[in-house]
Amino acid sequence: LVVNVVGLALSTVAGDPRLMMAKDSGVSSVVGIVILLSVRTGRPL
């Protein structure tokens, strides 16, 4: 939910199409990072 909300907030970013694709991947990467951090804390998401 949080990642989707952030993605909605950043969806207004316009300009270079390469930046748009990189932005989408960057937002999605938060999911992978947080999941890995949850493993370190002993509460795997």
PDB file of all heavy atoms in Angstrom:
ATOM      1  N   LEU A   1       0.830  -1.202   0.000  1.00  0.00           N
ATOM      2  CA  LEU A   1       0.000   0.000   0.000  1.00  0.00           C
ATOM      3  C   LEU A   1       0.869   1.259   0.000  1.00  0.00           C
ATOM      4  O   LEU A   1       0.625   2.201  -0.772  1.00  0.00           O
ATOM      5  CB  LEU A   1      -0.927  -0.004   1.212  1.00  0.00           C
ATOM      6  CG  LEU A   1      -1.839   1.213   1.383  1.00  0.00           C
ATOM      7  CD1 LEU A   1      -2.766   1.369   0.187  1.00  0.00           C
ATOM      8  CD2 LEU A   1      -2.647   1.096   2.672  1.00  0.00           C
ATOM      9  N   VAL A   2       1.889   1.288   0.851  1.00  0.00           N
ATOM     10  CA  VAL A   2       2.760   2.464   0.932  1.00  0.00           C
ATOM     11  C   VAL A   2       3.503   2.678  -0.387  1.00  0.00           C
ATOM     12  O   VAL A   2       3.602   3.802  -0.888  1.00  0.00           O
ATOM     13  CB  VAL A   2       3.767   2.305   2.090  1.00  0.00           C
ATOM     14  CG1 VAL A   2       4.831   3.402   2.034  1.00  0.00           C
ATOM     15  CG2 VAL A   2       3.029   2.359   3.424  1.00  0.00           C
ATOM     16  N   VAL A   3       4.006   1.586  -0.968  1.00  0.00           N
ATOM     17  CA  VAL A   3       4.727   1.695  -2.238  1.00  0.00           C
ATOM     18  C   VAL A   3       3.805   2.225  -3.333  1.00  0.00           C
ATOM     19  O   VAL A   3       4.193   3.060  -4.156  1.00  0.00           O
ATOM     20  CB  VAL A   3       5.323   0.331  -2.632  1.00  0.00           C
ATOM     21  CG1 VAL A   3       5.828   0.353  -4.074  1.00  0.00           C
ATOM     22  CG2 VAL A   3       6.458  -0.042  -1.692  1.00  0.00           C
ATOM     23  N   ASN A   4       2.560   1.749  -3.356  1.00  0.00           N
ATOM     24  CA  ASN A   4       1.613   2.227  -4.362  1.00  0.00           C
ATOM     25  C   ASN A   4       1.306   3.711  -4.173  1.00  0.00           C
ATOM     26  O   ASN A   4       1.184   4.463  -5.139  1.00  0.00           O
ATOM     27  CB  ASN A   4       0.319   1.416  -4.299  1.00  0.00           C
ATOM     28  CG  ASN A   4       0.461   0.059  -4.956  1.00  0.00           C
ATOM     29  OD1 ASN A   4       1.514  -0.273  -5.485  1.00  0.00           O
ATOM     30  ND2 ASN A   4      -0.599  -0.729  -4.928  1.00  0.00           N
ATOM     31  N   VAL A   5       1.158   4.130  -2.926  1.00  0.00           N
ATOM     32  CA  VAL A   5       0.879   5.545  -2.664  1.00  0.00           C
ATOM     33  C   VAL A   5       2.055   6.412  -3.112  1.00  0.00           C
ATOM     34  O   VAL A   5       1.864   7.468  -3.730  1.00  0.00           O
ATOM     35  CB  VAL A   5       0.579   5.765  -1.166  1.00  0.00           C
ATOM     36  CG1 VAL A   5       0.530   7.252  -0.845  1.00  0.00           C
ATOM     37  CG2 VAL A   5      -0.746   5.109  -0.796  1.00  0.00           C
ATOM     38  N   VAL A   6       3.279   5.959  -2.820  1.00  0.00           N
ATOM     39  CA  VAL A   6       4.460   6.697  -3.266  1.00  0.00           C
ATOM     40  C   VAL A   6       4.518   6.736  -4.789  1.00  0.00           C
ATOM     41  O   VAL A   6       4.837   7.759  -5.402  1.00  0.00           O
ATOM     42  CB  VAL A   6       5.748   6.061  -2.700  1.00  0.00           C
ATOM     43  CG1 VAL A   6       6.986   6.719  -3.303  1.00  0.00           C
ATOM     44  CG2 VAL A   6       5.770   6.187  -1.182  1.00  0.00           C
ATOM     45  N   GLY A   7       4.175   5.597  -5.411  1.00  0.00           N
ATOM     46  CA  GLY A   7       4.152   5.559  -6.863  1.00  0.00           C
ATOM     47  C   GLY A   7       3.147   6.524  -7.450  1.00  0.00           C
ATOM     48  O   GLY A   7       3.411   7.183  -8.458  1.00  0.00           O
ATOM     49  N   LEU A   8       1.985   6.636  -6.807  1.00  0.00           N
ATOM     50  CA  LEU A   8       0.980   7.602  -7.259  1.00  0.00           C
ATOM     51  C   LEU A   8       1.501   9.028  -7.127  1.00  0.00           C
ATOM     52  O   LEU A   8       1.290   9.870  -8.006  1.00  0.00           O
ATOM     53  CB  LEU A   8      -0.302   7.435  -6.438  1.00  0.00           C
ATOM     54  CG  LEU A   8      -1.199   6.249  -6.805  1.00  0.00           C
ATOM     55  CD1 LEU A   8      -2.277   6.056  -5.745  1.00  0.00           C
ATOM     56  CD2 LEU A   8      -1.834   6.467  -8.169  1.00  0.00           C
ATOM     57  N   ALA A   9       2.196   9.292  -6.024  1.00  0.00           N
ATOM     58  CA  ALA A   9       2.727  10.643  -5.816  1.00  0.00           C
ATOM     59  C   ALA A   9       3.778  10.995  -6.862  1.00  0.00           C
ATOM     60  O   ALA A   9       3.871  12.142  -7.313  1.00  0.00           O
ATOM     61  CB  ALA A   9       3.322  10.757  -4.418  1.00  0.00           C
ATOM     62  N   LEU A  10       4.565  10.005  -7.269  1.00  0.00           N
ATOM     63  CA  LEU A  10       5.625  10.247  -8.239  1.00  0.00           C
ATOM     64  C   LEU A  10       5.151  10.136  -9.681  1.00  0.00           C
ATOM     65  O   LEU A  10       5.912  10.404 -10.611  1.00  0.00           O
ATOM     66  CB  LEU A  10       6.777   9.260  -8.021  1.00  0.00           C
ATOM     67  CG  LEU A  10       7.557   9.415  -6.706  1.00  0.00           C
ATOM     68  CD1 LEU A  10       8.628   8.344  -6.601  1.00  0.00           C
ATOM     69  CD2 LEU A  10       8.183  10.801  -6.620  1.00  0.00           C
ATOM     70  N   SER A  11       3.894   9.718  -9.873  1.00  0.00           N
ATOM     71  CA  SER A  11       3.389   9.532 -11.230  1.00  0.00           C
ATOM     72  C   SER A  11       3.261  10.849 -11.983  1.00  0.00           C
ATOM     73  O   SER A  11       3.099  10.871 -13.199  1.00  0.00           O
ATOM     74  CB  SER A  11       2.028   8.824 -11.192  1.00  0.00           C
ATOM     75  OG  SER A  11       1.066   9.632 -10.537  1.00  0.00           O
ATOM     76  N   THR A  12       3.323  11.953 -11.256  1.00  0.00           N
ATOM     77  CA  THR A  12       3.229  13.259 -11.914  1.00  0.00           C
ATOM     78  C   THR A  12       4.563  13.691 -12.528  1.00  0.00           C
ATOM     79  O   THR A  12       4.624  14.677 -13.250  1.00  0.00           O
ATOM     80  CB  THR A  12       2.792  14.333 -10.899  1.00  0.00           C
ATOM     81  OG1 THR A  12       3.715  14.357  -9.808  1.00  0.00           O
ATOM     82  CG2 THR A  12       1.400  14.022 -10.370  1.00  0.00           C
ATOM     83  N   VAL A  13       5.626  12.931 -12.214  1.00  0.00           N
ATOM     84  CA  VAL A  13       6.933  13.260 -12.781  1.00  0.00           C
ATOM     85  C   VAL A  13       6.892  13.031 -14.289  1.00  0.00           C
ATOM     86  O   VAL A  13       6.529  11.956 -14.753  1.00  0.00           O
ATOM     87  CB  VAL A  13       8.046  12.392 -12.158  1.00  0.00           C
ATOM     88  CG1 VAL A  13       9.376  12.686 -12.840  1.00  0.00           C
ATOM     89  CG2 VAL A  13       8.134  12.661 -10.672  1.00  0.00           C
ATOM     90  N   ALA A  14       7.207  14.025 -15.059  1.00  0.00           N
ATOM     91  CA  ALA A  14       7.153  13.921 -16.512  1.00  0.00           C
ATOM     92  C   ALA A  14       8.527  14.208 -17.091  1.00  0.00           C
ATOM     93  O   ALA A  14       9.449  14.626 -16.404  1.00  0.00           O
ATOM     94  CB  ALA A  14       6.127  14.904 -17.070  1.00  0.00           C
ATOM     95  N   GLY A  15       8.647  13.982 -18.383  1.00  0.00           N
ATOM     96  CA  GLY A  15       9.895  14.295 -19.055  1.00  0.00           C
ATOM     97  C   GLY A  15      10.466  13.097 -19.756  1.00  0.00           C
ATOM     98  O   GLY A  15       9.782  12.405 -20.494  1.00  0.00           O
ATOM     99  N   ASP A  16      11.735  12.838 -19.504  1.00  0.00           N
ATOM    100  CA  ASP A  16      12.465  11.776 -20.180  1.00  0.00           C
ATOM    101  C   ASP A  16      11.797  10.422 -19.943  1.00  0.00           C
ATOM    102  O   ASP A  16      11.615  10.007 -18.784  1.00  0.00           O
ATOM    103  CB  ASP A  16      13.895  11.753 -19.644  1.00  0.00           C
ATOM    104  CG  ASP A  16      14.773  10.763 -20.398  1.00  0.00           C
ATOM    105  OD1 ASP A  16      14.259  10.059 -21.282  1.00  0.00           O
ATOM    106  OD2 ASP A  16      15.975  10.716 -20.096  1.00  0.00           O
ATOM    107  N   PRO A  17      11.424   9.665 -21.001  1.00  0.00           N
ATOM    108  CA  PRO A  17      10.810   8.352 -20.808  1.00  0.00           C
ATOM    109  C   PRO A  17      11.728   7.378 -20.089  1.00  0.00           C
ATOM    110  O   PRO A  17      11.265   6.485 -19.377  1.00  0.00           O
ATOM    111  CB  PRO A  17      10.504   7.898 -22.238  1.00  0.00           C
ATOM    112  CG  PRO A  17      11.396   8.708 -23.119  1.00  0.00           C
ATOM    113  CD  PRO A  17      11.521  10.021 -22.425  1.00  0.00           C
ATOM    114  N   ARG A  18      13.050   7.545 -20.258  1.00  0.00           N
ATOM    115  CA  ARG A  18      13.987   6.677 -19.541  1.00  0.00           C
ATOM    116  C   ARG A  18      13.904   6.932 -18.035  1.00  0.00           C
ATOM    117  O   ARG A  18      13.980   5.999 -17.225  1.00  0.00           O
ATOM    118  CB  ARG A  18      15.416   6.897 -20.046  1.00  0.00           C
ATOM    119  CG  ARG A  18      15.624   6.454 -21.496  1.00  0.00           C
ATOM    120  CD  ARG A  18      17.085   6.610 -21.913  1.00  0.00           C
ATOM    121  NE  ARG A  18      17.297   6.232 -23.307  1.00  0.00           N
ATOM    122  CZ  ARG A  18      17.476   4.982 -23.719  1.00  0.00           C
ATOM    123  NH1 ARG A  18      17.477   3.990 -22.842  1.00  0.00           N
ATOM    124  NH2 ARG A  18      17.678   4.722 -25.003  1.00  0.00           N
ATOM    125  N   LEU A  19      13.742   8.187 -17.667  1.00  0.00           N
ATOM    126  CA  LEU A  19      13.588   8.528 -16.254  1.00  0.00           C
ATOM    127  C   LEU A  19      12.302   7.929 -15.709  1.00  0.00           C
ATOM    128  O   LEU A  19      12.270   7.447 -14.570  1.00  0.00           O
ATOM    129  CB  LEU A  19      13.577  10.046 -16.075  1.00  0.00           C
ATOM    130  CG  LEU A  19      13.313  10.556 -14.654  1.00  0.00           C
ATOM    131  CD1 LEU A  19      14.393  10.069 -13.698  1.00  0.00           C
ATOM    132  CD2 LEU A  19      13.234  12.084 -14.638  1.00  0.00           C
ATOM    133  N   MET A  20      11.237   7.928 -16.496  1.00  0.00           N
ATOM    134  CA  MET A  20       9.963   7.357 -16.052  1.00  0.00           C
ATOM    135  C   MET A  20      10.117   5.859 -15.770  1.00  0.00           C
ATOM    136  O   MET A  20       9.646   5.344 -14.752  1.00  0.00           O
ATOM    137  CB  MET A  20       8.894   7.583 -17.118  1.00  0.00           C
ATOM    138  CG  MET A  20       8.467   9.032 -17.271  1.00  0.00           C
ATOM    139  SD  MET A  20       7.631   9.651 -15.787  1.00  0.00           S
ATOM    140  CE  MET A  20       6.162   8.632 -15.797  1.00  0.00           C
ATOM    141  N   MET A  21      10.796   5.132 -16.671  1.00  0.00           N
ATOM    142  CA  MET A  21      10.991   3.695 -16.466  1.00  0.00           C
ATOM    143  C   MET A  21      11.892   3.432 -15.266  1.00  0.00           C
ATOM    144  O   MET A  21      11.634   2.513 -14.476  1.00  0.00           O
ATOM    145  CB  MET A  21      11.584   3.072 -17.731  1.00  0.00           C
ATOM    146  CG  MET A  21      10.602   2.980 -18.892  1.00  0.00           C
ATOM    147  SD  MET A  21      11.221   2.031 -20.299  1.00  0.00           S
ATOM    148  CE  MET A  21      12.515   3.122 -20.891  1.00  0.00           C
ATOM    149  N   ALA A  22      12.933   4.230 -15.121  1.00  0.00           N
ATOM    150  CA  ALA A  22      13.835   4.057 -13.978  1.00  0.00           C
ATOM    151  C   ALA A  22      13.110   4.364 -12.673  1.00  0.00           C
ATOM    152  O   ALA A  22      13.322   3.687 -11.653  1.00  0.00           O
ATOM    153  CB  ALA A  22      15.053   4.962 -14.139  1.00  0.00           C
ATOM    154  N   LYS A  23      12.244   5.388 -12.702  1.00  0.00           N
ATOM    155  CA  LYS A  23      11.479   5.755 -11.503  1.00  0.00           C
ATOM    156  C   LYS A  23      10.574   4.619 -11.053  1.00  0.00           C
ATOM    157  O   LYS A  23      10.516   4.290  -9.862  1.00  0.00           O
ATOM    158  CB  LYS A  23      10.670   7.017 -11.797  1.00  0.00           C
ATOM    159  CG  LYS A  23       9.817   7.519 -10.638  1.00  0.00           C
ATOM    160  CD  LYS A  23       8.376   7.016 -10.714  1.00  0.00           C
ATOM    161  CE  LYS A  23       7.675   7.500 -11.970  1.00  0.00           C
ATOM    162  NZ  LYS A  23       6.280   7.007 -12.038  1.00  0.00           N
ATOM    163  N   ASP A  24       9.877   3.993 -11.998  1.00  0.00           N
ATOM    164  CA  ASP A  24       8.988   2.890 -11.651  1.00  0.00           C
ATOM    165  C   ASP A  24       9.775   1.745 -11.020  1.00  0.00           C
ATOM    166  O   ASP A  24       9.336   1.131 -10.037  1.00  0.00           O
ATOM    167  CB  ASP A  24       8.252   2.391 -12.896  1.00  0.00           C
ATOM    168  CG  ASP A  24       7.226   3.400 -13.393  1.00  0.00           C
ATOM    169  OD1 ASP A  24       6.824   4.265 -12.595  1.00  0.00           O
ATOM    170  OD2 ASP A  24       6.842   3.324 -14.577  1.00  0.00           O
ATOM    171  N   SER A  25      10.931   1.441 -11.580  1.00  0.00           N
ATOM    172  CA  SER A  25      11.755   0.366 -11.032  1.00  0.00           C
ATOM    173  C   SER A  25      12.292   0.735  -9.654  1.00  0.00           C
ATOM    174  O   SER A  25      12.361  -0.107  -8.756  1.00  0.00           O
ATOM    175  CB  SER A  25      12.928   0.071 -11.979  1.00  0.00           C
ATOM    176  OG  SER A  25      12.454  -0.356 -13.235  1.00  0.00           O
ATOM    177  N   GLY A  26      12.666   2.010  -9.500  1.00  0.00           N
ATOM    178  CA  GLY A  26      13.184   2.453  -8.208  1.00  0.00           C
ATOM    179  C   GLY A  26      12.163   2.341  -7.105  1.00  0.00           C
ATOM    180  O   GLY A  26      12.467   1.902  -5.983  1.00  0.00           O
ATOM    181  N   VAL A  27      10.912   2.710  -7.394  1.00  0.00           N
ATOM    182  CA  VAL A  27       9.845   2.593  -6.397  1.00  0.00           C
ATOM    183  C   VAL A  27       9.600   1.136  -6.057  1.00  0.00           C
ATOM    184  O   VAL A  27       9.462   0.748  -4.886  1.00  0.00           O
ATOM    185  CB  VAL A  27       8.556   3.265  -6.918  1.00  0.00           C
ATOM    186  CG1 VAL A  27       7.391   2.966  -5.982  1.00  0.00           C
ATOM    187  CG2 VAL A  27       8.759   4.764  -7.054  1.00  0.00           C
ATOM    188  N   SER A  28       9.571   0.272  -7.088  1.00  0.00           N
ATOM    189  CA  SER A  28       9.331  -1.153  -6.843  1.00  0.00           C
ATOM    190  C   SER A  28      10.457  -1.786  -6.045  1.00  0.00           C
ATOM    191  O   SER A  28      10.230  -2.746  -5.296  1.00  0.00           O
ATOM    192  CB  SER A  28       9.168  -1.884  -8.182  1.00  0.00           C
ATOM    193  OG  SER A  28       8.072  -1.375  -8.911  1.00  0.00           O
ATOM    194  N   SER A  29      11.678  -1.268  -6.202  1.00  0.00           N
ATOM    195  CA  SER A  29      12.813  -1.853  -5.484  1.00  0.00           C
ATOM    196  C   SER A  29      12.660  -1.721  -3.981  1.00  0.00           C
ATOM    197  O   SER A  29      13.265  -2.486  -3.218  1.00  0.00           O
ATOM    198  CB  SER A  29      14.118  -1.196  -5.934  1.00  0.00           C
ATOM    199  OG  SER A  29      14.189   0.148  -5.483  1.00  0.00           O
ATOM    200  N   VAL A  30      11.870  -0.756  -3.543  1.00  0.00           N
ATOM    201  CA  VAL A  30      11.635  -0.578  -2.104  1.00  0.00           C
ATOM    202  C   VAL A  30      11.052  -1.856  -1.512  1.00  0.00           C
ATOM    203  O   VAL A  30      11.375  -2.245  -0.377  1.00  0.00           O
ATOM    204  CB  VAL A  30      10.696   0.618  -1.856  1.00  0.00           C
ATOM    205  CG1 VAL A  30      10.331   0.716  -0.380  1.00  0.00           C
ATOM    206  CG2 VAL A  30      11.350   1.911  -2.324  1.00  0.00           C
ATOM    207  N   VAL A  31      10.186  -2.529  -2.278  1.00  0.00           N
ATOM    208  CA  VAL A  31       9.574  -3.774  -1.797  1.00  0.00           C
ATOM    209  C   VAL A  31      10.654  -4.805  -1.499  1.00  0.00           C
ATOM    210  O   VAL A  31      10.687  -5.417  -0.423  1.00  0.00           O
ATOM    211  CB  VAL A  31       8.569  -4.322  -2.833  1.00  0.00           C
ATOM    212  CG1 VAL A  31       7.987  -5.649  -2.353  1.00  0.00           C
ATOM    213  CG2 VAL A  31       7.459  -3.322  -3.084  1.00  0.00           C
ATOM    214  N   GLY A  32      11.568  -5.015  -2.462  1.00  0.00           N
ATOM    215  CA  GLY A  32      12.638  -5.988  -2.259  1.00  0.00           C
ATOM    216  C   GLY A  32      13.531  -5.629  -1.093  1.00  0.00           C
ATOM    217  O   GLY A  32      13.911  -6.495  -0.296  1.00  0.00           O
ATOM    218  N   ILE A  33      13.872  -4.350  -0.965  1.00  0.00           N
ATOM    219  CA  ILE A  33      14.758  -3.911   0.122  1.00  0.00           C
ATOM    220  C   ILE A  33      14.110  -4.126   1.484  1.00  0.00           C
ATOM    221  O   ILE A  33      14.737  -4.647   2.415  1.00  0.00           O
ATOM    222  CB  ILE A  33      15.136  -2.427  -0.067  1.00  0.00           C
ATOM    223  CG1 ILE A  33      16.015  -2.249  -1.305  1.00  0.00           C
ATOM    224  CG2 ILE A  33      15.858  -1.892   1.165  1.00  0.00           C
ATOM    225  CD1 ILE A  33      16.270  -0.820  -1.679  1.00  0.00           C
ATOM    226  N   VAL A  34      12.844  -3.743   1.602  1.00  0.00           N
ATOM    227  CA  VAL A  34      12.159  -3.886   2.897  1.00  0.00           C
ATOM    228  C   VAL A  34      11.998  -5.363   3.258  1.00  0.00           C
ATOM    229  O   VAL A  34      12.130  -5.751   4.428  1.00  0.00           O
ATOM    230  CB  VAL A  34      10.796  -3.172   2.859  1.00  0.00           C
ATOM    231  CG1 VAL A  34      10.011  -3.451   4.142  1.00  0.00           C
ATOM    232  CG2 VAL A  34      10.989  -1.677   2.687  1.00  0.00           C
ATOM    233  N   ILE A  35      11.710  -6.216   2.270  1.00  0.00           N
ATOM    234  CA  ILE A  35      11.597  -7.650   2.539  1.00  0.00           C
ATOM    235  C   ILE A  35      12.928  -8.195   3.064  1.00  0.00           C
ATOM    236  O   ILE A  35      12.962  -8.966   4.032  1.00  0.00           O
ATOM    237  CB  ILE A  35      11.158  -8.408   1.276  1.00  0.00           C
ATOM    238  CG1 ILE A  35       9.695  -8.090   0.953  1.00  0.00           C
ATOM    239  CG2 ILE A  35      11.326  -9.920   1.465  1.00  0.00           C
ATOM    240  CD1 ILE A  35       9.207  -8.699  -0.346  1.00  0.00           C
ATOM    241  N   LEU A  36      14.036  -7.788   2.455  1.00  0.00           N
ATOM    242  CA  LEU A  36      15.353  -8.243   2.918  1.00  0.00           C
ATOM    243  C   LEU A  36      15.652  -7.726   4.320  1.00  0.00           C
ATOM    244  O   LEU A  36      16.211  -8.451   5.156  1.00  0.00           O
ATOM    245  CB  LEU A  36      16.428  -7.779   1.937  1.00  0.00           C
ATOM    246  CG  LEU A  36      16.423  -8.474   0.566  1.00  0.00           C
ATOM    247  CD1 LEU A  36      17.453  -7.836  -0.357  1.00  0.00           C
ATOM    248  CD2 LEU A  36      16.698  -9.963   0.719  1.00  0.00           C
ATOM    249  N   LEU A  37      15.283  -6.488   4.601  1.00  0.00           N
ATOM    250  CA  LEU A  37      15.489  -5.945   5.941  1.00  0.00           C
ATOM    251  C   LEU A  37      14.646  -6.688   6.973  1.00  0.00           C
ATOM    252  O   LEU A  37      15.080  -6.893   8.115  1.00  0.00           O
ATOM    253  CB  LEU A  37      15.144  -4.455   5.961  1.00  0.00           C
ATOM    254  CG  LEU A  37      16.113  -3.524   5.215  1.00  0.00           C
ATOM    255  CD1 LEU A  37      15.589  -2.089   5.233  1.00  0.00           C
ATOM    256  CD2 LEU A  37      17.511  -3.592   5.835  1.00  0.00           C
ATOM    257  N   SER A  38      13.448  -7.099   6.571  1.00  0.00           N
ATOM    258  CA  SER A  38      12.581  -7.838   7.508  1.00  0.00           C
ATOM    259  C   SER A  38      13.197  -9.181   7.883  1.00  0.00           C
ATOM    260  O   SER A  38      12.991  -9.678   8.991  1.00  0.00           O
ATOM    261  CB  SER A  38      11.199  -8.041   6.897  1.00  0.00           C
ATOM    262  OG  SER A  38      11.207  -9.029   5.867  1.00  0.00           O
ATOM    263  N   VAL A  39      13.948  -9.776   6.962  1.00  0.00           N
ATOM    264  CA  VAL A  39      14.640 -11.028   7.267  1.00  0.00           C
ATOM    265  C   VAL A  39      15.705 -10.794   8.322  1.00  0.00           C
ATOM    266  O   VAL A  39      15.876 -11.588   9.256  1.00  0.00           O
ATOM    267  CB  VAL A  39      15.265 -11.623   5.990  1.00  0.00           C
ATOM    268  CG1 VAL A  39      16.088 -12.868   6.310  1.00  0.00           C
ATOM    269  CG2 VAL A  39      14.178 -11.969   4.974  1.00  0.00           C
ATOM    270  N   ARG A  40      16.412  -9.678   8.195  1.00  0.00           N
ATOM    271  CA  ARG A  40      17.462  -9.343   9.158  1.00  0.00           C
ATOM    272  C   ARG A  40      16.892  -9.118  10.556  1.00  0.00           C
ATOM    273  O   ARG A  40      17.554  -9.423  11.556  1.00  0.00           O
ATOM    274  CB  ARG A  40      18.198  -8.079   8.695  1.00  0.00           C
ATOM    275  CG  ARG A  40      18.968  -8.231   7.402  1.00  0.00           C
ATOM    276  CD  ARG A  40      20.270  -8.940   7.590  1.00  0.00           C
ATOM    277  NE  ARG A  40      21.182  -8.207   8.455  1.00  0.00           N
ATOM    278  CZ  ARG A  40      22.383  -8.640   8.803  1.00  0.00           C
ATOM    279  NH1 ARG A  40      22.814  -9.808   8.368  1.00  0.00           N
ATOM    280  NH2 ARG A  40      23.157  -7.921   9.589  1.00  0.00           N
ATOM    281  N   THR A  41      15.687  -8.592  10.635  1.00  0.00           N
ATOM    282  CA  THR A  41      15.077  -8.316  11.938  1.00  0.00           C
ATOM    283  C   THR A  41      14.362  -9.531  12.526  1.00  0.00           C
ATOM    284  O   THR A  41      13.859  -9.461  13.646  1.00  0.00           O
ATOM    285  CB  THR A  41      14.072  -7.154  11.826  1.00  0.00           C
ATOM    286  OG1 THR A  41      13.020  -7.512  10.921  1.00  0.00           O
ATOM    287  CG2 THR A  41      14.760  -5.895  11.322  1.00  0.00           C
ATOM    288  N   GLY A  42      14.313 -10.630  11.764  1.00  0.00           N
ATOM    289  CA  GLY A  42      13.672 -11.839  12.265  1.00  0.00           C
ATOM    290  C   GLY A  42      12.165 -11.861  12.115  1.00  0.00           C
ATOM    291  O   GLY A  42      11.510 -12.731  12.682  1.00  0.00           O
ATOM    292  N   ARG A  43      11.610 -10.936  11.349  1.00  0.00           N
ATOM    293  CA  ARG A  43      10.167 -10.920  11.110  1.00  0.00           C
ATOM    294  C   ARG A  43       9.918 -10.854   9.598  1.00  0.00           C
ATOM    295  O   ARG A  43       9.471  -9.841   9.065  1.00  0.00           O
ATOM    296  CB  ARG A  43       9.515  -9.722  11.793  1.00  0.00           C
ATOM    297  CG  ARG A  43       9.663  -9.719  13.302  1.00  0.00           C
ATOM    298  CD  ARG A  43       9.130  -8.438  13.893  1.00  0.00           C
ATOM    299  NE  ARG A  43       7.704  -8.307  13.672  1.00  0.00           N
ATOM    300  CZ  ARG A  43       6.782  -8.633  14.560  1.00  0.00           C
ATOM    301  NH1 ARG A  43       7.151  -9.087  15.743  1.00  0.00           N
ATOM    302  NH2 ARG A  43       5.504  -8.484  14.299  1.00  0.00           N
ATOM    303  N   PRO A  44      10.225 -11.963   8.874  1.00  0.00           N
ATOM    304  CA  PRO A  44      10.135 -11.963   7.412  1.00  0.00           C
ATOM    305  C   PRO A  44       8.733 -11.634   6.901  1.00  0.00           C
ATOM    306  O   PRO A  44       7.757 -12.271   7.292  1.00  0.00           O
ATOM    307  CB  PRO A  44      10.549 -13.387   7.027  1.00  0.00           C
ATOM    308  CG  PRO A  44      10.403 -14.189   8.269  1.00  0.00           C
ATOM    309  CD  PRO A  44      10.644 -13.270   9.405  1.00  0.00           C
ATOM    310  N   LEU A  45       8.650 -10.629   6.042  1.00  0.00           N
ATOM    311  CA  LEU A  45       7.352 -10.135   5.580  1.00  0.00           C
ATOM    312  C   LEU A  45       6.597 -11.140   4.723  1.00  0.00           C
ATOM    313  O   LEU A  45       5.364 -11.168   4.736  1.00  0.00           O
ATOM    314  CB  LEU A  45       7.543  -8.836   4.792  1.00  0.00           C
ATOM    315  CG  LEU A  45       7.710  -7.555   5.607  1.00  0.00           C
ATOM    316  CD1 LEU A  45       7.986  -6.379   4.685  1.00  0.00           C
ATOM    317  CD2 LEU A  45       6.458  -7.289   6.439  1.00  0.00           C
TER     318      LEU A  45
END
